[in-house]
Every structure is written in structure tokens, then in C-alpha cells.
Protein backbone atom coordinates (compact mmCIF):
# COMPACT_ATOMS: atom_id res chain seq x y z
CA UNK A 1 77.84 98.48 98.22
CA UNK A 2 74.52 97.41 96.73
CA UNK A 3 73.61 100.99 95.83
CA UNK A 4 76.79 101.54 93.84
CA UNK A 5 76.27 98.30 91.95
CA UNK A 6 72.64 99.26 91.20
CA UNK A 7 73.80 102.62 89.79
CA UNK A 8 76.44 100.85 87.69
CA UNK A 9 73.82 98.44 86.28
CA UNK A 10 71.58 101.40 85.40
CA UNK A 11 74.46 103.13 83.58
CA UNK A 12 75.30 99.88 81.78
CA UNK A 13 71.78 99.74 80.36
CA UNK A 14 72.55 102.92 78.37
CA UNK A 15 75.77 101.59 76.77
CA UNK A 16 75.87 99.68 73.49
CA UNK A 17 78.77 97.89 71.75
CA UNK A 18 80.66 100.37 69.58
CA UNK A 19 79.90 103.34 71.85
CA UNK A 20 82.47 105.85 73.01
CA UNK A 21 82.04 106.71 76.69
CA UNK A 22 83.79 108.73 79.38
CA UNK A 23 84.23 107.18 82.82
CA UNK A 24 85.45 109.37 85.68
CA UNK A 25 87.25 108.24 88.82
CA UNK A 26 85.37 106.69 91.72
CA UNK A 27 84.14 103.51 93.31
CA UNK A 28 80.79 103.51 91.52
CA UNK A 29 82.44 103.99 88.15
CA UNK A 30 84.84 101.15 88.97
CA UNK A 31 81.79 98.91 89.43
CA UNK A 32 80.66 99.99 85.94
CA UNK A 33 84.11 99.21 84.51
CA UNK A 34 83.90 95.70 85.95
CA UNK A 35 80.46 95.21 84.39
CA UNK A 36 81.85 96.14 80.98
CA UNK A 37 83.50 92.69 80.86
CA UNK A 38 80.26 91.48 79.30
CA UNK A 39 80.45 93.98 76.44
CA UNK A 40 82.75 94.27 73.43
CA UNK A 41 84.13 97.02 71.23
CA UNK A 42 83.88 100.15 73.35
CA UNK A 43 86.12 103.20 73.27
CA UNK A 44 86.50 104.37 76.85
CA UNK A 45 88.10 107.68 77.85
CA UNK A 46 89.00 107.93 81.53
CA UNK A 47 91.02 110.00 83.94
CA UNK A 48 91.33 107.09 86.40
CA UNK A 49 94.42 104.89 86.27
CA UNK A 50 92.74 102.00 88.10
CA UNK A 51 89.74 102.04 85.76
CA UNK A 52 92.04 102.13 82.71
CA UNK A 53 93.91 99.13 84.13
CA UNK A 54 90.65 97.23 84.73
CA UNK A 55 89.38 97.91 81.21
CA UNK A 56 92.74 97.16 79.59
CA UNK A 57 92.94 93.81 81.39
CA UNK A 58 89.64 92.84 79.77
CA UNK A 59 91.24 93.06 76.31
CA UNK A 60 87.95 94.03 74.67
CA UNK A 61 88.02 97.82 74.57
CA UNK A 62 90.04 100.74 73.24
CA UNK A 63 91.13 102.62 76.37
CA UNK A 64 92.25 106.25 76.31
CA UNK A 65 93.81 107.54 79.53
CA UNK A 66 94.04 111.30 79.76
CA UNK A 67 97.15 112.82 81.33
CA UNK A 68 97.52 114.90 84.45
CA UNK A 69 98.72 114.82 88.02
CA UNK A 70 97.67 111.64 89.86
CA UNK A 71 95.80 111.92 93.16
CA UNK A 72 97.11 109.49 95.72
CA UNK A 73 93.92 107.87 97.00
CA UNK A 74 91.57 108.11 94.03
CA UNK A 75 94.00 107.26 91.20
CA UNK A 76 92.43 110.19 89.31
CA UNK A 77 94.49 112.27 86.91
CA UNK A 78 93.66 115.93 87.48
CA UNK A 79 95.00 119.42 86.93
CA UNK A 80 95.57 121.60 83.90
CA UNK A 81 97.01 118.82 81.73
CA UNK A 82 93.95 116.64 82.38
CA UNK A 83 91.55 119.53 81.78
CA UNK A 84 93.20 120.44 78.47
CA UNK A 85 92.94 116.88 77.16
């Protein structure tokens, strides 16, 4: 939706090349991941398989996917393994 994209654009304005950021699971954060195509050289830590796949396909960022149990609908990795990482 337009609101989610507006939030993603606002978040993007706080990110600079070379930054290390954490992106959680969700539809708004997926919009942010898509917007990161225009940026280079980020390290992104995420617990969302679909966001890691999006960022990895861009070939511009170092992507760290934390472990855990995957939720069916959200693609989020959760649980004690995820929390410990």
C-alpha cells in the first residue's frame, strides 16, 4: 500500500552506503528491501528468509540471515535459536 511504501522511503532516508542495518520480517520491511536496490555496500542482518532472498538477488549487499524456526506465512525465523543469534 501507499502507506507502507512511504514508511519504507522514510527509513531509506536514514541509511547510507557502508551501514550495517537490521531488517525484521514484514511487508513494510520488504518494501524497504526492494528500495535498497538503489544503494550499494550494506551489511544487512535479517530474520526474514524472503527479505534475505530479495537482498541477495540484488548482488550489492552482505546479507546475514539469522537462524531459527521458520513461520509459515511470514517467512520469519523465530524462537530460541533466532533470539540467541
